[in-house]
Amino acid sequence: MEIIKPERKLYPLVWAWLNSQFSHSPLVPDKLGKYQVFTSDTSQAPAVDGGYWSRPDLAAMLYSRARFLPVWSASLYTFEVKTADGISEASVYEAIAHRRYANYSVLVWQGSPTAEKNNPIVELCRHFGIGAVTVEVPSDPNNYHIHTPAERSEIDPFVIDQFVDRRFPREARMNIENWLEEMGWKQFPREGTI
């Protein structure tokens, strides 16, 4: 296995997986209907709310619609990404810290799926409801192995809204707003506008 370093070199590879395979993975609850996913590299976004471990590396907003009822569902996923030699128990606690503003928190690291059996990191993720994903070849979107899905946390929608507003770049926010408008969502005007 070729170990990729530093950690930031993994972000675009994991981001490509988020945009291609994530919504079909066991990390996403099996529901009828289709999903719309908007992803962002949030590693450099300012952590306005501050605090230790307050900046996930990647994030994804996932929208779905019920088939026969006029009901929408939205979930924010955060992803903490680690190198093969950067993974530790502290990584799990870092992912746990992201649950304060995300419905699902996932830890992704480079490692062999077979070498992860009875791994204390996977067990710790499972214990705390954090998703655990290993990938031996990060550039291959079909190489990601989900050891345990994340458990859903109920987060105030305004906390999620604020996270997206502060951490997703303007272009990503505009893509979300435009897509929601196409789907019939009428947003409230921003403060100071008519």
Protein backbone atom coordinates (compact mmCIF):
# COMPACT_ATOMS: atom_id res chain seq x y z
CA MET A 1 0.00 0.00 0.00
CA GLU A 2 1.36 3.40 -1.00
CA ILE A 3 0.85 5.70 1.98
CA ILE A 4 -0.36 9.14 0.97
CA LYS A 5 1.01 12.07 2.97
CA PRO A 6 0.34 14.72 4.10
CA GLU A 7 -3.30 14.45 5.10
CA ARG A 8 -4.44 17.28 2.80
CA LYS A 9 -3.47 15.16 -0.24
CA LEU A 10 -6.23 12.74 0.76
CA TYR A 11 -8.98 15.41 0.73
CA PRO A 12 -9.55 15.58 -3.05
CA LEU A 13 -9.50 11.78 -3.28
CA VAL A 14 -12.09 11.33 -0.52
CA TRP A 15 -14.05 14.26 -1.98
CA ALA A 16 -14.21 12.43 -5.34
CA TRP A 17 -15.65 9.39 -3.51
CA LEU A 18 -18.22 11.62 -1.80
CA ASN A 19 -19.34 12.90 -5.18
CA SER A 20 -19.54 9.47 -6.82
CA GLN A 21 -20.19 6.61 -4.38
CA PHE A 22 -21.11 8.06 -0.99
CA SER A 23 -24.89 8.31 -1.50
CA HIS A 24 -24.97 4.62 -2.50
CA SER A 25 -22.92 3.45 0.49
CA PRO A 26 -24.10 1.94 3.80
CA LEU A 27 -23.37 5.33 5.41
CA VAL A 28 -26.63 6.62 3.94
CA PRO A 29 -29.81 5.12 5.43
CA ASP A 30 -31.68 2.99 2.92
CA LYS A 31 -34.73 5.04 1.94
CA LEU A 32 -36.89 5.13 -1.13
CA GLY A 33 -36.25 7.99 -3.48
CA LYS A 34 -33.16 9.65 -4.82
CA TYR A 35 -30.56 11.72 -3.07
CA GLN A 36 -29.00 15.03 -4.01
CA VAL A 37 -25.55 15.57 -2.50
CA PHE A 38 -23.62 18.82 -2.15
CA THR A 39 -20.05 18.48 -0.89
CA SER A 40 -17.42 20.87 0.36
CA ASP A 41 -13.81 20.89 1.48
CA THR A 42 -14.28 22.60 4.83
CA SER A 43 -10.72 22.06 6.07
CA GLN A 44 -9.72 25.68 5.46
CA ALA A 45 -13.04 27.32 6.36
CA PRO A 46 -12.76 29.55 9.42
CA ALA A 47 -14.15 27.97 12.56
CA VAL A 48 -16.17 30.99 13.66
CA ASP A 49 -17.63 29.15 16.64
CA GLY A 50 -14.09 28.15 17.64
CA GLY A 51 -13.19 25.40 19.99
CA TYR A 52 -10.84 22.46 19.81
CA TRP A 53 -11.54 20.10 16.91
CA SER A 54 -14.17 22.42 15.45
CA ARG A 55 -13.23 22.10 11.77
CA PRO A 56 -14.06 18.89 9.87
CA ASP A 57 -12.04 18.22 6.73
CA LEU A 58 -14.98 17.58 4.40
CA ALA A 59 -18.74 17.96 4.62
CA ALA A 60 -21.76 16.86 2.61
CA MET A 61 -25.36 18.07 2.64
CA LEU A 62 -27.65 15.27 1.54
CA TYR A 63 -31.26 15.91 0.50
CA SER A 64 -33.92 13.33 -0.23
CA ARG A 65 -37.64 13.39 -0.89
CA ALA A 66 -40.28 10.84 0.03
CA ARG A 67 -41.87 9.09 -2.91
CA PHE A 68 -45.57 9.43 -2.06
CA LEU A 69 -45.62 12.14 0.62
CA PRO A 70 -44.62 15.79 0.18
CA VAL A 71 -41.82 15.41 2.72
CA TRP A 72 -38.16 16.39 2.41
CA SER A 73 -35.26 15.15 4.48
CA ALA A 74 -31.91 16.91 4.85
CA SER A 75 -28.80 15.68 6.64
CA LEU A 76 -25.36 17.14 7.21
CA TYR A 77 -22.44 14.71 7.21
CA THR A 78 -18.95 15.67 8.35
CA PHE A 79 -15.79 13.73 7.52
CA GLU A 80 -12.55 13.65 9.44
CA VAL A 81 -9.78 12.32 7.16
CA LYS A 82 -6.54 10.74 8.44
CA THR A 83 -3.42 9.24 6.92
CA ALA A 84 -2.37 5.64 7.60
CA ASP A 85 0.12 6.80 10.21
CA GLY A 86 -2.03 9.69 11.49
CA ILE A 87 -4.97 7.62 12.74
CA SER A 88 -5.35 7.30 16.51
CA GLU A 89 -7.96 7.22 19.26
CA ALA A 90 -7.76 11.02 19.32
CA SER A 91 -9.06 10.97 15.72
CA VAL A 92 -12.28 9.37 16.96
CA TYR A 93 -12.72 12.08 19.58
CA GLU A 94 -12.12 14.71 16.92
CA ALA A 95 -14.96 13.17 14.85
CA ILE A 96 -17.17 13.05 17.96
CA ALA A 97 -16.63 16.81 18.43
CA HIS A 98 -18.17 17.40 14.99
CA ARG A 99 -21.49 15.93 16.14
CA ARG A 100 -22.31 19.25 17.77
CA TYR A 101 -23.36 20.58 14.36
CA ALA A 102 -23.76 17.54 12.10
CA ASN A 103 -26.34 14.76 11.88
CA TYR A 104 -23.65 12.21 11.02
CA SER A 105 -19.91 12.23 11.68
CA VAL A 106 -17.56 9.88 9.83
CA LEU A 107 -13.87 9.04 10.28
CA VAL A 108 -12.07 8.06 7.06
CA TRP A 109 -8.49 6.80 7.01
CA GLN A 110 -6.09 5.07 4.69
CA GLY A 111 -5.72 1.45 5.71
CA SER A 112 -6.32 -2.11 4.62
CA PRO A 113 -9.90 -3.34 5.22
CA THR A 114 -8.64 -6.81 6.25
CA ALA A 115 -6.11 -5.36 8.68
CA GLU A 116 -8.88 -3.45 10.43
CA LYS A 117 -10.65 -6.48 11.95
CA ASN A 118 -10.90 -6.07 15.74
CA ASN A 119 -9.26 -2.68 15.36
CA PRO A 120 -9.73 -0.55 18.50
CA ILE A 121 -10.38 2.54 16.32
CA VAL A 122 -13.32 0.82 14.58
CA GLU A 123 -14.64 -0.41 17.94
CA LEU A 124 -14.38 3.09 19.42
CA CYS A 125 -16.23 4.53 16.40
CA ARG A 126 -18.95 1.91 16.79
CA HIS A 127 -19.25 2.62 20.53
CA PHE A 128 -19.72 6.36 19.99
CA GLY A 129 -21.86 6.14 16.83
CA ILE A 130 -19.19 7.52 14.50
CA GLY A 131 -18.94 6.12 10.97
CA ALA A 132 -15.70 4.22 10.29
CA VAL A 133 -14.35 3.99 6.73
CA THR A 134 -11.00 2.64 5.53
CA VAL A 135 -9.54 2.87 2.06
CA GLU A 136 -6.39 1.22 0.82
CA VAL A 137 -6.30 3.00 -2.56
CA PRO A 138 -7.98 6.39 -2.02
CA SER A 139 -7.97 7.26 -5.74
CA ASP A 140 -10.31 4.29 -6.42
CA PRO A 141 -13.90 5.26 -5.44
CA ASN A 142 -14.84 1.56 -5.32
CA ASN A 143 -12.12 0.80 -2.75
CA TYR A 144 -13.80 2.44 0.27
CA HIS A 145 -14.83 -0.02 2.98
CA ILE A 146 -17.49 0.97 5.51
CA HIS A 147 -16.86 -0.82 8.82
CA THR A 148 -19.71 0.82 10.68
CA PRO A 149 -22.26 3.47 9.69
CA ALA A 150 -22.69 6.61 11.76
CA GLU A 151 -25.64 7.01 14.10
CA ARG A 152 -27.88 10.02 13.47
CA SER A 153 -27.79 12.95 15.87
CA GLU A 154 -30.75 15.30 15.92
CA ILE A 155 -29.33 18.78 15.43
CA ASP A 156 -31.22 22.06 15.42
CA PRO A 157 -31.79 22.91 11.73
CA PHE A 158 -30.55 26.46 12.35
CA VAL A 159 -27.21 25.10 13.62
CA ILE A 160 -26.83 23.14 10.37
CA ASP A 161 -27.93 26.17 8.35
CA GLN A 162 -25.32 28.28 10.09
CA PHE A 163 -22.62 25.64 9.47
CA VAL A 164 -23.38 25.56 5.74
CA ASP A 165 -23.52 29.36 5.57
CA ARG A 166 -20.16 29.78 7.33
CA ARG A 167 -18.21 26.75 6.10
CA PHE A 168 -19.34 26.00 2.55
CA PRO A 169 -17.85 28.30 -0.10
CA ARG A 170 -20.16 30.79 -1.82
CA GLU A 171 -20.39 28.73 -5.03
CA ALA A 172 -21.49 25.62 -3.11
CA ARG A 173 -24.08 27.62 -1.16
CA MET A 174 -25.43 29.11 -4.38
CA ASN A 175 -25.66 25.64 -5.94
CA ILE A 176 -27.70 24.44 -2.96
CA GLU A 177 -29.96 27.50 -3.02
CA ASN A 178 -30.51 27.23 -6.78
CA TRP A 179 -31.29 23.51 -6.57
CA LEU A 180 -33.72 24.03 -3.68
CA GLU A 181 -35.44 26.81 -5.64
CA GLU A 182 -35.77 24.48 -8.66
CA MET A 183 -37.36 21.93 -6.32
CA GLY A 184 -39.95 24.51 -5.24
CA TRP A 185 -38.37 25.71 -2.01
CA LYS A 186 -39.05 29.40 -1.52
CA GLN A 187 -36.52 30.89 0.82
CA PHE A 188 -37.03 33.87 3.04
CA PRO A 189 -35.31 37.07 1.91
CA ARG A 190 -32.06 37.80 3.70
CA GLU A 191 -32.02 40.55 6.33
CA GLY A 192 -32.04 43.98 4.80
CA THR A 193 -33.45 42.82 1.43
CA ILE A 194 -36.97 43.03 0.12
